[in-house]
Amino acid sequence: MCKAIGDVHGEALSYNCIGVDYMKLGETDSPDNYKEAIEYHNKHKEIADVAGKFLAHINLGIIYNNMGDHEKATINHHFALRYAV
């Protein structure tokens, strides 16, 4: 809906919320949901403002850490730190 009406901020928030939902499902239901979470957090990251990019990278770092990919987790947390500064 947000995309259709040109509400970029709402679209970014929607991608974040859907990504978090899939992230939580990955923790409790099936790790395959992490792939969906990554997709939505990357969509969020692409259109977000600086604060949104910070949040997207934090979430991506958490997901990759939960998946055991510590290198990608570290990279995303470093990007988040850059946006925080």
N, C-alpha and C. Protein backbone atom coordinates (compact mmCIF):
# COMPACT_ATOMS: atom_id res chain seq x y z
N MET A 1 0.83 -1.17 0.00
CA MET A 1 0.00 0.00 0.00
C MET A 1 0.88 1.25 0.00
N CYS A 2 1.87 1.27 0.88
CA CYS A 2 2.76 2.44 0.96
C CYS A 2 3.50 2.66 -0.35
N LYS A 3 3.94 1.58 -0.96
CA LYS A 3 4.66 1.68 -2.22
C LYS A 3 3.75 2.28 -3.29
N ALA A 4 2.50 1.85 -3.30
CA ALA A 4 1.55 2.31 -4.31
C ALA A 4 1.27 3.81 -4.19
N ILE A 5 1.29 4.35 -2.98
CA ILE A 5 0.97 5.77 -2.81
C ILE A 5 2.23 6.64 -2.70
N GLY A 6 3.40 6.02 -2.82
CA GLY A 6 4.65 6.77 -2.79
C GLY A 6 5.13 7.16 -1.41
N ASP A 7 4.68 6.45 -0.39
CA ASP A 7 5.11 6.72 0.99
C ASP A 7 6.37 5.89 1.28
N VAL A 8 7.53 6.45 0.95
CA VAL A 8 8.80 5.73 1.08
C VAL A 8 9.10 5.40 2.54
N HIS A 9 8.81 6.33 3.43
CA HIS A 9 9.06 6.08 4.86
C HIS A 9 8.20 4.91 5.35
N GLY A 10 6.94 4.90 4.99
CA GLY A 10 6.05 3.80 5.38
C GLY A 10 6.47 2.48 4.76
N GLU A 11 6.95 2.54 3.51
CA GLU A 11 7.43 1.34 2.83
C GLU A 11 8.64 0.77 3.55
N ALA A 12 9.57 1.64 3.93
CA ALA A 12 10.77 1.20 4.64
C ALA A 12 10.40 0.57 5.98
N LEU A 13 9.48 1.21 6.71
CA LEU A 13 9.04 0.64 7.99
C LEU A 13 8.36 -0.71 7.80
N SER A 14 7.59 -0.84 6.73
CA SER A 14 6.92 -2.11 6.46
C SER A 14 7.93 -3.21 6.20
N TYR A 15 8.94 -2.91 5.37
CA TYR A 15 9.98 -3.91 5.10
C TYR A 15 10.67 -4.32 6.39
N ASN A 16 10.94 -3.35 7.26
CA ASN A 16 11.59 -3.67 8.53
C ASN A 16 10.69 -4.59 9.37
N CYS A 17 9.43 -4.26 9.49
CA CYS A 17 8.51 -5.08 10.31
C CYS A 17 8.38 -6.49 9.77
N ILE A 18 8.25 -6.62 8.45
CA ILE A 18 8.15 -7.96 7.85
C ILE A 18 9.45 -8.72 8.07
N GLY A 19 10.58 -8.04 7.92
CA GLY A 19 11.88 -8.68 8.16
C GLY A 19 12.02 -9.17 9.58
N VAL A 20 11.58 -8.36 10.54
CA VAL A 20 11.65 -8.77 11.95
C VAL A 20 10.74 -9.97 12.19
N ASP A 21 9.56 -9.97 11.58
CA ASP A 21 8.66 -11.12 11.74
C ASP A 21 9.31 -12.40 11.24
N TYR A 22 9.92 -12.34 10.05
CA TYR A 22 10.60 -13.53 9.53
C TYR A 22 11.80 -13.90 10.39
N MET A 23 12.48 -12.90 10.94
CA MET A 23 13.62 -13.17 11.82
C MET A 23 13.16 -13.94 13.06
N LYS A 24 12.05 -13.51 13.64
CA LYS A 24 11.52 -14.20 14.82
C LYS A 24 11.07 -15.62 14.46
N LEU A 25 10.47 -15.79 13.28
CA LEU A 25 10.08 -17.13 12.83
C LEU A 25 11.31 -18.01 12.64
N GLY A 26 12.40 -17.42 12.18
CA GLY A 26 13.64 -18.18 12.01
C GLY A 26 14.18 -18.67 13.33
N GLU A 27 13.96 -17.89 14.39
CA GLU A 27 14.44 -18.27 15.71
C GLU A 27 13.61 -19.38 16.33
N THR A 28 12.32 -19.42 16.02
CA THR A 28 11.42 -20.35 16.70
C THR A 28 10.86 -21.44 15.81
N ASP A 29 10.74 -21.18 14.52
CA ASP A 29 10.05 -22.12 13.63
C ASP A 29 11.03 -22.86 12.73
N SER A 30 11.58 -22.16 11.76
CA SER A 30 12.49 -22.77 10.80
C SER A 30 13.58 -21.78 10.40
N PRO A 31 14.83 -22.19 10.44
CA PRO A 31 15.91 -21.29 10.03
C PRO A 31 15.79 -20.82 8.58
N ASP A 32 14.99 -21.52 7.75
CA ASP A 32 14.78 -21.09 6.37
C ASP A 32 14.14 -19.70 6.31
N ASN A 33 13.45 -19.31 7.36
CA ASN A 33 12.82 -17.99 7.40
C ASN A 33 13.85 -16.87 7.45
N TYR A 34 15.08 -17.18 7.84
CA TYR A 34 16.13 -16.17 7.87
C TYR A 34 16.39 -15.62 6.46
N LYS A 35 16.27 -16.46 5.43
CA LYS A 35 16.49 -16.00 4.06
C LYS A 35 15.48 -14.93 3.68
N GLU A 36 14.23 -15.14 4.06
CA GLU A 36 13.18 -14.14 3.81
C GLU A 36 13.48 -12.87 4.60
N ALA A 37 13.91 -13.03 5.84
CA ALA A 37 14.23 -11.87 6.68
C ALA A 37 15.34 -11.04 6.04
N ILE A 38 16.36 -11.70 5.54
CA ILE A 38 17.47 -11.01 4.89
C ILE A 38 16.97 -10.23 3.68
N GLU A 39 16.10 -10.84 2.90
CA GLU A 39 15.55 -10.17 1.72
C GLU A 39 14.83 -8.88 2.11
N TYR A 40 13.98 -8.94 3.13
CA TYR A 40 13.22 -7.75 3.53
C TYR A 40 14.10 -6.69 4.19
N HIS A 41 15.08 -7.10 4.95
CA HIS A 41 15.97 -6.11 5.56
C HIS A 41 16.86 -5.45 4.50
N ASN A 42 17.21 -6.19 3.46
CA ASN A 42 17.96 -5.57 2.36
C ASN A 42 17.09 -4.57 1.60
N LYS A 43 15.81 -4.88 1.41
CA LYS A 43 14.89 -3.93 0.78
C LYS A 43 14.77 -2.68 1.65
N HIS A 44 14.67 -2.88 2.95
CA HIS A 44 14.60 -1.75 3.88
C HIS A 44 15.85 -0.89 3.75
N LYS A 45 17.00 -1.54 3.76
CA LYS A 45 18.28 -0.84 3.70
C LYS A 45 18.39 0.01 2.43
N GLU A 46 17.90 -0.49 1.32
CA GLU A 46 18.03 0.20 0.04
C GLU A 46 17.28 1.52 -0.02
N ILE A 47 16.15 1.63 0.68
CA ILE A 47 15.33 2.85 0.56
C ILE A 47 15.32 3.70 1.83
N ALA A 48 15.96 3.23 2.87
CA ALA A 48 15.88 3.89 4.18
C ALA A 48 16.76 5.13 4.26
N ASP A 49 16.42 5.97 5.25
CA ASP A 49 17.29 7.09 5.60
C ASP A 49 18.43 6.55 6.46
N VAL A 50 19.27 7.43 6.97
CA VAL A 50 20.45 7.00 7.73
C VAL A 50 20.06 6.16 8.95
N ALA A 51 19.05 6.60 9.69
CA ALA A 51 18.62 5.84 10.88
C ALA A 51 18.09 4.47 10.47
N GLY A 52 17.39 4.41 9.36
CA GLY A 52 16.87 3.13 8.88
C GLY A 52 17.96 2.19 8.41
N LYS A 53 18.98 2.75 7.75
CA LYS A 53 20.12 1.93 7.32
C LYS A 53 20.84 1.35 8.54
N PHE A 54 20.97 2.16 9.59
CA PHE A 54 21.56 1.67 10.84
C PHE A 54 20.77 0.48 11.35
N LEU A 55 19.46 0.61 11.43
CA LEU A 55 18.60 -0.45 11.93
C LEU A 55 18.65 -1.70 11.05
N ALA A 56 18.63 -1.50 9.73
CA ALA A 56 18.69 -2.64 8.82
C ALA A 56 19.99 -3.42 9.00
N HIS A 57 21.11 -2.71 9.13
CA HIS A 57 22.38 -3.40 9.32
C HIS A 57 22.45 -4.11 10.67
N ILE A 58 21.88 -3.51 11.70
CA ILE A 58 21.82 -4.19 13.01
C ILE A 58 21.06 -5.51 12.87
N ASN A 59 19.89 -5.44 12.24
CA ASN A 59 19.07 -6.64 12.09
C ASN A 59 19.76 -7.69 11.23
N LEU A 60 20.40 -7.25 10.15
CA LEU A 60 21.14 -8.21 9.31
C LEU A 60 22.27 -8.85 10.10
N GLY A 61 22.96 -8.07 10.91
CA GLY A 61 24.03 -8.64 11.74
C GLY A 61 23.51 -9.69 12.71
N ILE A 62 22.36 -9.42 13.30
CA ILE A 62 21.76 -10.39 14.23
C ILE A 62 21.40 -11.67 13.50
N ILE A 63 20.79 -11.53 12.33
CA ILE A 63 20.38 -12.72 11.56
C ILE A 63 21.60 -13.55 11.18
N TYR A 64 22.62 -12.89 10.61
CA TYR A 64 23.80 -13.64 10.20
C TYR A 64 24.49 -14.29 11.40
N ASN A 65 24.50 -13.63 12.54
CA ASN A 65 25.06 -14.24 13.73
C ASN A 65 24.27 -15.49 14.12
N ASN A 66 22.93 -15.39 14.09
CA ASN A 66 22.09 -16.54 14.42
C ASN A 66 22.30 -17.69 13.44
N MET A 67 22.65 -17.36 12.20
CA MET A 67 22.90 -18.38 11.18
C MET A 67 24.31 -18.96 11.29
N GLY A 68 25.15 -18.36 12.13
CA GLY A 68 26.51 -18.84 12.29
C GLY A 68 27.50 -18.22 11.31
N ASP A 69 27.06 -17.24 10.52
CA ASP A 69 27.95 -16.57 9.58
C ASP A 69 28.49 -15.31 10.26
N HIS A 70 29.51 -15.51 11.07
CA HIS A 70 30.03 -14.43 11.90
C HIS A 70 30.75 -13.34 11.09
N GLU A 71 31.29 -13.71 9.95
CA GLU A 71 31.94 -12.71 9.10
C GLU A 71 30.92 -11.69 8.58
N LYS A 72 29.81 -12.17 8.04
CA LYS A 72 28.77 -11.26 7.54
C LYS A 72 28.13 -10.49 8.69
N ALA A 73 28.01 -11.13 9.84
CA ALA A 73 27.46 -10.44 11.01
C ALA A 73 28.36 -9.27 11.39
N THR A 74 29.65 -9.51 11.42
CA THR A 74 30.61 -8.47 11.76
C THR A 74 30.58 -7.33 10.76
N ILE A 75 30.53 -7.66 9.49
CA ILE A 75 30.49 -6.64 8.44
C ILE A 75 29.27 -5.75 8.62
N ASN A 76 28.10 -6.35 8.85
CA ASN A 76 26.89 -5.57 9.01
C ASN A 76 26.91 -4.72 10.28
N HIS A 77 27.46 -5.25 11.33
CA HIS A 77 27.56 -4.45 12.55
C HIS A 77 28.54 -3.29 12.38
N HIS A 78 29.59 -3.49 11.58
CA HIS A 78 30.52 -2.39 11.30
C HIS A 78 29.82 -1.29 10.50
N PHE A 79 29.00 -1.70 9.52
CA PHE A 79 28.23 -0.70 8.76
C PHE A 79 27.27 0.04 9.68
N ALA A 80 26.64 -0.68 10.59
CA ALA A 80 25.72 -0.04 11.54
C ALA A 80 26.46 0.99 12.39
N LEU A 81 27.65 0.63 12.83
CA LEU A 81 28.46 1.56 13.63
C LEU A 81 28.78 2.82 12.83
N ARG A 82 29.10 2.67 11.57
CA ARG A 82 29.38 3.84 10.72
C ARG A 82 28.16 4.75 10.63
N TYR A 83 26.98 4.15 10.46
CA TYR A 83 25.77 4.98 10.37
C TYR A 83 25.44 5.61 11.74
N ALA A 84 25.79 4.94 12.80
CA ALA A 84 25.54 5.49 14.14
C ALA A 84 26.40 6.71 14.41
N VAL A 85 27.62 6.66 13.90
CA VAL A 85 28.55 7.77 14.12
C VAL A 85 28.18 8.91 13.20
